[in-house]
PDB file of all heavy atoms in Angstrom:
ATOM      1  N   ALA A   1     257.430 137.019-209.502  1.00  0.00           N
ATOM      2  CA  ALA A   1     257.505 135.770-210.268  1.00  0.00           C
ATOM      3  C   ALA A   1     258.309 134.724-209.517  1.00  0.00           C
ATOM      4  O   ALA A   1     258.059 133.518-209.655  1.00  0.00           O
ATOM      5  CB  ALA A   1     258.138 136.041-211.635  1.00  0.00           C
ATOM      6  N   GLU A   2     259.268 135.149-208.706  1.00  0.00           N
ATOM      7  CA  GLU A   2     260.057 134.210-207.903  1.00  0.00           C
ATOM      8  C   GLU A   2     259.267 133.737-206.684  1.00  0.00           C
ATOM      9  O   GLU A   2     259.335 132.568-206.294  1.00  0.00           O
ATOM     10  CB  GLU A   2     261.349 134.878-207.445  1.00  0.00           C
ATOM     11  CG  GLU A   2     262.285 133.945-206.684  1.00  0.00           C
ATOM     12  CD  GLU A   2     263.553 134.627-206.218  1.00  0.00           C
ATOM     13  OE1 GLU A   2     263.554 135.863-206.059  1.00  0.00           O
ATOM     14  OE2 GLU A   2     264.550 133.923-206.010  1.00  0.00           O
ATOM     15  N   LEU A   3     258.503 134.628-206.086  1.00  0.00           N
ATOM     16  CA  LEU A   3     257.803 134.323-204.840  1.00  0.00           C
ATOM     17  C   LEU A   3     256.551 133.473-205.056  1.00  0.00           C
ATOM     18  O   LEU A   3     256.265 132.554-204.276  1.00  0.00           O
ATOM     19  CB  LEU A   3     257.432 135.643-204.151  1.00  0.00           C
ATOM     20  CG  LEU A   3     256.848 135.602-202.747  1.00  0.00           C
ATOM     21  CD1 LEU A   3     257.810 134.934-201.771  1.00  0.00           C
ATOM     22  CD2 LEU A   3     256.519 137.027-202.282  1.00  0.00           C
ATOM     23  N   ALA A   4     255.800 133.758-206.125  1.00  0.00           N
ATOM     24  CA  ALA A   4     254.484 133.134-206.321  1.00  0.00           C
ATOM     25  C   ALA A   4     254.526 131.607-206.373  1.00  0.00           C
ATOM     26  O   ALA A   4     253.734 130.947-205.686  1.00  0.00           O
ATOM     27  CB  ALA A   4     253.826 133.701-207.580  1.00  0.00           C
ATOM     28  N   PRO A   5     255.397 130.980-207.174  1.00  0.00           N
ATOM     29  CA  PRO A   5     255.361 129.511-207.245  1.00  0.00           C
ATOM     30  C   PRO A   5     255.701 128.829-205.923  1.00  0.00           C
ATOM     31  O   PRO A   5     255.189 127.741-205.641  1.00  0.00           O
ATOM     32  CB  PRO A   5     256.379 129.179-208.336  1.00  0.00           C
ATOM     33  CG  PRO A   5     257.222 130.376-208.493  1.00  0.00           C
ATOM     34  CD  PRO A   5     256.369 131.544-208.133  1.00  0.00           C
ATOM     35  N   VAL A   6     256.549 129.462-205.116  1.00  0.00           N
ATOM     36  CA  VAL A   6     256.878 128.880-203.812  1.00  0.00           C
ATOM     37  C   VAL A   6     255.642 128.881-202.922  1.00  0.00           C
ATOM     38  O   VAL A   6     255.305 127.870-202.287  1.00  0.00           O
ATOM     39  CB  VAL A   6     258.026 129.659-203.131  1.00  0.00           C
ATOM     40  CG1 VAL A   6     258.384 129.003-201.806  1.00  0.00           C
ATOM     41  CG2 VAL A   6     259.238 129.743-204.041  1.00  0.00           C
ATOM     42  N   ILE A   7     254.941 130.003-202.888  1.00  0.00           N
ATOM     43  CA  ILE A   7     253.735 130.094-202.058  1.00  0.00           C
ATOM     44  C   ILE A   7     252.681 129.100-202.540  1.00  0.00           C
ATOM     45  O   ILE A   7     252.046 128.408-201.731  1.00  0.00           O
ATOM     46  CB  ILE A   7     253.184 131.529-202.059  1.00  0.00           C
ATOM     47  CG1 ILE A   7     254.181 132.478-201.382  1.00  0.00           C
ATOM     48  CG2 ILE A   7     251.823 131.592-201.361  1.00  0.00           C
ATOM     49  CD1 ILE A   7     253.773 133.943-201.424  1.00  0.00           C
ATOM     50  N   ARG A   8     252.535 128.991-203.855  1.00  0.00           N
ATOM     51  CA  ARG A   8     251.502 128.093-204.389  1.00  0.00           C
ATOM     52  C   ARG A   8     251.783 126.640-204.011  1.00  0.00           C
ATOM     53  O   ARG A   8     250.887 125.920-203.566  1.00  0.00           O
ATOM     54  CB  ARG A   8     251.400 128.245-205.917  1.00  0.00           C
ATOM     55  CG  ARG A   8     250.716 129.523-206.376  1.00  0.00           C
ATOM     56  CD  ARG A   8     250.294 129.431-207.835  1.00  0.00           C
ATOM     57  NE  ARG A   8     251.439 129.268-208.730  1.00  0.00           N
ATOM     58  CZ  ARG A   8     252.044 130.267-209.359  1.00  0.00           C
ATOM     59  NH1 ARG A   8     251.616 131.516-209.201  1.00  0.00           N
ATOM     60  NH2 ARG A   8     253.072 130.041-210.169  1.00  0.00           N
ATOM     61  N   ARG A   9     253.026 126.197-204.185  1.00  0.00           N
ATOM     62  CA  ARG A   9     253.286 124.776-203.953  1.00  0.00           C
ATOM     63  C   ARG A   9     253.253 124.428-202.461  1.00  0.00           C
ATOM     64  O   ARG A   9     252.798 123.341-202.083  1.00  0.00           O
ATOM     65  CB  ARG A   9     254.600 124.342-204.597  1.00  0.00           C
ATOM     66  CG  ARG A   9     255.876 124.857-203.998  1.00  0.00           C
ATOM     67  CD  ARG A   9     257.081 124.171-204.656  1.00  0.00           C
ATOM     68  NE  ARG A   9     258.348 124.714-204.196  1.00  0.00           N
ATOM     69  CZ  ARG A   9     259.058 125.638-204.852  1.00  0.00           C
ATOM     70  NH1 ARG A   9     258.615 126.113-206.011  1.00  0.00           N
ATOM     71  NH2 ARG A   9     260.203 126.074-204.351  1.00  0.00           N
ATOM     72  N   VAL A  10     253.712 125.334-201.605  1.00  0.00           N
ATOM     73  CA  VAL A  10     253.680 125.038-200.172  1.00  0.00           C
ATOM     74  C   VAL A  10     252.245 125.099-199.659  1.00  0.00           C
ATOM     75  O   VAL A  10     251.830 124.262-198.846  1.00  0.00           O
ATOM     76  CB  VAL A  10     254.593 126.001-199.383  1.00  0.00           C
ATOM     77  CG1 VAL A  10     254.527 125.698-197.884  1.00  0.00           C
ATOM     78  CG2 VAL A  10     256.032 125.886-199.873  1.00  0.00           C
ATOM     79  N   ALA A  11     251.464 126.048-200.135  1.00  0.00           N
ATOM     80  CA  ALA A  11     250.054 126.130-199.737  1.00  0.00           C
ATOM     81  C   ALA A  11     249.293 124.888-200.187  1.00  0.00           C
ATOM     82  O   ALA A  11     248.436 124.371-199.458  1.00  0.00           O
ATOM     83  CB  ALA A  11     249.420 127.394-200.323  1.00  0.00           C
ATOM     84  N   LYS A  12     249.622 124.375-201.378  1.00  0.00           N
ATOM     85  CA  LYS A  12     248.926 123.203-201.905  1.00  0.00           C
ATOM     86  C   LYS A  12     249.138 121.988-201.012  1.00  0.00           C
ATOM     87  O   LYS A  12     248.236 121.155-200.852  1.00  0.00           O
ATOM     88  CB  LYS A  12     249.426 122.907-203.322  1.00  0.00           C
ATOM     89  CG  LYS A  12     248.675 121.782-204.017  1.00  0.00           C
ATOM     90  CD  LYS A  12     249.157 121.606-205.456  1.00  0.00           C
ATOM     91  CE  LYS A  12     248.391 120.483-206.150  1.00  0.00           C
ATOM     92  NZ  LYS A  12     248.845 120.315-207.565  1.00  0.00           N
ATOM     93  N   ARG A  13     250.306 121.877-200.401  1.00  0.00           N
ATOM     94  CA  ARG A  13     250.561 120.733-199.520  1.00  0.00           C
ATOM     95  C   ARG A  13     250.238 121.040-198.053  1.00  0.00           C
ATOM     96  O   ARG A  13     250.585 120.289-197.150  1.00  0.00           O
ATOM     97  CB  ARG A  13     252.007 120.256-199.667  1.00  0.00           C
ATOM     98  CG  ARG A  13     253.086 121.235-199.270  1.00  0.00           C
ATOM     99  CD  ARG A  13     254.474 120.672-199.596  1.00  0.00           C
ATOM    100  NE  ARG A  13     255.562 121.510-199.118  1.00  0.00           N
ATOM    101  CZ  ARG A  13     256.538 121.986-199.899  1.00  0.00           C
ATOM    102  NH1 ARG A  13     256.544 121.721-201.206  1.00  0.00           N
ATOM    103  NH2 ARG A  13     257.505 122.719-199.370  1.00  0.00           N
ATOM    104  N   GLY A  14     249.578 122.183-197.835  1.00  0.00           N
ATOM    105  CA  GLY A  14     249.131 122.526-196.488  1.00  0.00           C
ATOM    106  C   GLY A  14     250.245 122.963-195.560  1.00  0.00           C
ATOM    107  O   GLY A  14     250.111 122.879-194.329  1.00  0.00           O
ATOM    108  N   GLY A  15     251.337 123.460-196.123  1.00  0.00           N
ATOM    109  CA  GLY A  15     252.501 123.794-195.317  1.00  0.00           C
ATOM    110  C   GLY A  15     252.489 125.206-194.771  1.00  0.00           C
ATOM    111  O   GLY A  15     251.685 126.064-195.150  1.00  0.00           O
ATOM    112  N   VAL A  16     253.424 125.437-193.864  1.00  0.00           N
ATOM    113  CA  VAL A  16     253.656 126.748-193.267  1.00  0.00           C
ATOM    114  C   VAL A  16     254.913 127.341-193.896  1.00  0.00           C
ATOM    115  O   VAL A  16     255.940 126.663-193.994  1.00  0.00           O
ATOM    116  CB  VAL A  16     253.837 126.638-191.739  1.00  0.00           C
ATOM    117  CG1 VAL A  16     254.177 127.997-191.141  1.00  0.00           C
ATOM    118  CG2 VAL A  16     252.586 126.051-191.090  1.00  0.00           C
ATOM    119  N   ILE A  17     254.818 128.582-194.334  1.00  0.00           N
ATOM    120  CA  ILE A  17     255.971 129.288-194.887  1.00  0.00           C
ATOM    121  C   ILE A  17     256.474 130.271-193.832  1.00  0.00           C
ATOM    122  O   ILE A  17     255.749 131.189-193.430  1.00  0.00           O
ATOM    123  CB  ILE A  17     255.603 130.047-196.176  1.00  0.00           C
ATOM    124  CG1 ILE A  17     255.121 129.072-197.252  1.00  0.00           C
ATOM    125  CG2 ILE A  17     256.795 130.855-196.676  1.00  0.00           C
ATOM    126  CD1 ILE A  17     254.606 129.750-198.504  1.00  0.00           C
ATOM    127  N   VAL A  18     257.688 130.060-193.369  1.00  0.00           N
ATOM    128  CA  VAL A  18     258.319 130.977-192.418  1.00  0.00           C
ATOM    129  C   VAL A  18     259.330 131.821-193.188  1.00  0.00           C
ATOM    130  O   VAL A  18     260.215 131.278-193.856  1.00  0.00           O
ATOM    131  CB  VAL A  18     259.016 130.217-191.277  1.00  0.00           C
ATOM    132  CG1 VAL A  18     259.681 131.202-190.310  1.00  0.00           C
ATOM    133  CG2 VAL A  18     258.022 129.335-190.528  1.00  0.00           C
ATOM    134  N   ILE A  19     259.173 133.133-193.109  1.00  0.00           N
ATOM    135  CA  ILE A  19     260.077 134.033-193.819  1.00  0.00           C
ATOM    136  C   ILE A  19     260.818 134.897-192.805  1.00  0.00           C
ATOM    137  O   ILE A  19     260.260 135.859-192.272  1.00  0.00           O
ATOM    138  CB  ILE A  19     259.329 134.936-194.831  1.00  0.00           C
ATOM    139  CG1 ILE A  19     258.391 134.119-195.721  1.00  0.00           C
ATOM    140  CG2 ILE A  19     260.337 135.696-195.679  1.00  0.00           C
ATOM    141  CD1 ILE A  19     257.630 134.941-196.744  1.00  0.00           C
ATOM    142  N   PRO A  20     262.072 134.560-192.496  1.00  0.00           N
ATOM    143  CA  PRO A  20     262.873 135.462-191.659  1.00  0.00           C
ATOM    144  C   PRO A  20     263.146 136.739-192.448  1.00  0.00           C
ATOM    145  O   PRO A  20     263.613 136.685-193.594  1.00  0.00           O
ATOM    146  CB  PRO A  20     264.170 134.685-191.418  1.00  0.00           C
ATOM    147  CG  PRO A  20     263.875 133.271-191.835  1.00  0.00           C
ATOM    148  CD  PRO A  20     262.828 133.363-192.889  1.00  0.00           C
ATOM    149  N   ALA A  21     262.828 137.882-191.874  1.00  0.00           N
ATOM    150  CA  ALA A  21     262.949 139.128-192.628  1.00  0.00           C
ATOM    151  C   ALA A  21     263.389 140.254-191.716  1.00  0.00           C
ATOM    152  O   ALA A  21     262.936 140.360-190.571  1.00  0.00           O
ATOM    153  CB  ALA A  21     261.613 139.486-193.280  1.00  0.00           C
ATOM    154  N   PHE A  22     264.275 141.095-192.218  1.00  0.00           N
ATOM    155  CA  PHE A  22     264.623 142.298-191.476  1.00  0.00           C
ATOM    156  C   PHE A  22     263.354 143.101-191.237  1.00  0.00           C
ATOM    157  O   PHE A  22     262.572 143.352-192.165  1.00  0.00           O
ATOM    158  CB  PHE A  22     265.649 143.121-192.256  1.00  0.00           C
ATOM    159  CG  PHE A  22     266.933 142.385-192.490  1.00  0.00           C
ATOM    160  CD1 PHE A  22     267.250 141.902-193.751  1.00  0.00           C
ATOM    161  CD2 PHE A  22     267.817 142.147-191.449  1.00  0.00           C
ATOM    162  CE1 PHE A  22     268.431 141.210-193.968  1.00  0.00           C
ATOM    163  CE2 PHE A  22     268.997 141.451-191.656  1.00  0.00           C
ATOM    164  CZ  PHE A  22     269.306 140.974-192.912  1.00  0.00           C
ATOM    165  N   ALA A  23     263.141 143.506-189.998  1.00  0.00           N
ATOM    166  CA  ALA A  23     261.884 144.143-189.621  1.00  0.00           C
ATOM    167  C   ALA A  23     261.675 145.480-190.314  1.00  0.00           C
ATOM    168  O   ALA A  23     260.550 145.916-190.509  1.00  0.00           O
ATOM    169  CB  ALA A  23     261.838 144.336-188.099  1.00  0.00           C
ATOM    170  N   VAL A  24     262.771 146.109-190.688  1.00  0.00           N
ATOM    171  CA  VAL A  24     262.695 147.412-191.334  1.00  0.00           C
ATOM    172  C   VAL A  24     263.208 147.289-192.761  1.00  0.00           C
ATOM    173  O   VAL A  24     264.383 147.029-192.987  1.00  0.00           O
ATOM    174  CB  VAL A  24     263.516 148.463-190.565  1.00  0.00           C
ATOM    175  CG1 VAL A  24     263.436 149.811-191.264  1.00  0.00           C
ATOM    176  CG2 VAL A  24     263.017 148.583-189.135  1.00  0.00           C
ATOM    177  N   GLY A  25     262.314 147.414-193.706  1.00  0.00           N
ATOM    178  CA  GLY A  25     262.675 147.344-195.112  1.00  0.00           C
ATOM    179  C   GLY A  25     262.225 146.063-195.772  1.00  0.00           C
ATOM    180  O   GLY A  25     261.329 146.063-196.613  1.00  0.00           O
ATOM    181  N   ARG A  26     262.804 144.936-195.372  1.00  0.00           N
ATOM    182  CA  ARG A  26     262.491 143.678-196.037  1.00  0.00           C
ATOM    183  C   ARG A  26     261.067 143.210-195.739  1.00  0.00           C
ATOM    184  O   ARG A  26     260.356 142.751-196.632  1.00  0.00           O
ATOM    185  CB  ARG A  26     263.501 142.613-195.625  1.00  0.00           C
ATOM    186  CG  ARG A  26     263.432 141.325-196.431  1.00  0.00           C
ATOM    187  CD  ARG A  26     263.611 141.546-197.930  1.00  0.00           C
ATOM    188  NE  ARG A  26     264.607 142.546-198.204  1.00  0.00           N
ATOM    189  CZ  ARG A  26     265.916 142.372-198.095  1.00  0.00           C
ATOM    190  NH1 ARG A  26     266.394 141.203-197.741  1.00  0.00           N
ATOM    191  NH2 ARG A  26     266.761 143.346-198.368  1.00  0.00           N
ATOM    192  N   ALA A  27     260.638 143.302-194.491  1.00  0.00           N
ATOM    193  CA  ALA A  27     259.280 142.867-194.144  1.00  0.00           C
ATOM    194  C   ALA A  27     258.250 143.649-194.944  1.00  0.00           C
ATOM    195  O   ALA A  27     257.269 143.082-195.453  1.00  0.00           O
ATOM    196  CB  ALA A  27     259.038 143.042-192.642  1.00  0.00           C
ATOM    197  N   GLN A  28     258.462 144.952-195.102  1.00  0.00           N
ATOM    198  CA  GLN A  28     257.505 145.777-195.841  1.00  0.00           C
ATOM    199  C   GLN A  28     257.479 145.406-197.321  1.00  0.00           C
ATOM    200  O   GLN A  28     256.414 145.323-197.935  1.00  0.00           O
ATOM    201  CB  GLN A  28     257.852 147.260-195.666  1.00  0.00           C
ATOM    202  CG  GLN A  28     257.605 147.799-194.267  1.00  0.00           C
ATOM    203  CD  GLN A  28     258.620 147.323-193.245  1.00  0.00           C
ATOM    204  OE1 GLN A  28     259.790 147.057-193.572  1.00  0.00           O
ATOM    205  NE2 GLN A  28     258.197 147.213-191.992  1.00  0.00           N
ATOM    206  N   GLY A  29     258.659 145.146-197.897  1.00  0.00           N
ATOM    207  CA  GLY A  29     258.708 144.741-199.300  1.00  0.00           C
ATOM    208  C   GLY A  29     258.004 143.417-199.546  1.00  0.00           C
ATOM    209  O   GLY A  29     257.285 143.249-200.529  1.00  0.00           O
ATOM    210  N   LEU A  30     258.204 142.467-198.636  1.00  0.00           N
ATOM    211  CA  LEU A  30     257.536 141.170-198.774  1.00  0.00           C
ATOM    212  C   LEU A  30     256.029 141.312-198.714  1.00  0.00           C
ATOM    213  O   LEU A  30     255.289 140.736-199.532  1.00  0.00           O
ATOM    214  CB  LEU A  30     258.016 140.222-197.666  1.00  0.00           C
ATOM    215  CG  LEU A  30     259.403 139.617-197.867  1.00  0.00           C
ATOM    216  CD1 LEU A  30     259.965 139.124-196.550  1.00  0.00           C
ATOM    217  CD2 LEU A  30     259.353 138.482-198.886  1.00  0.00           C
TER     218      LEU A  30
END
């Protein structure tokens, strides 16, 4: 519920979402 609205609004304006994520654990959860 926290992630979805961010993706929707940035995608609507044609933007790029960069997510810095720990390669082990966080990347898989995302």
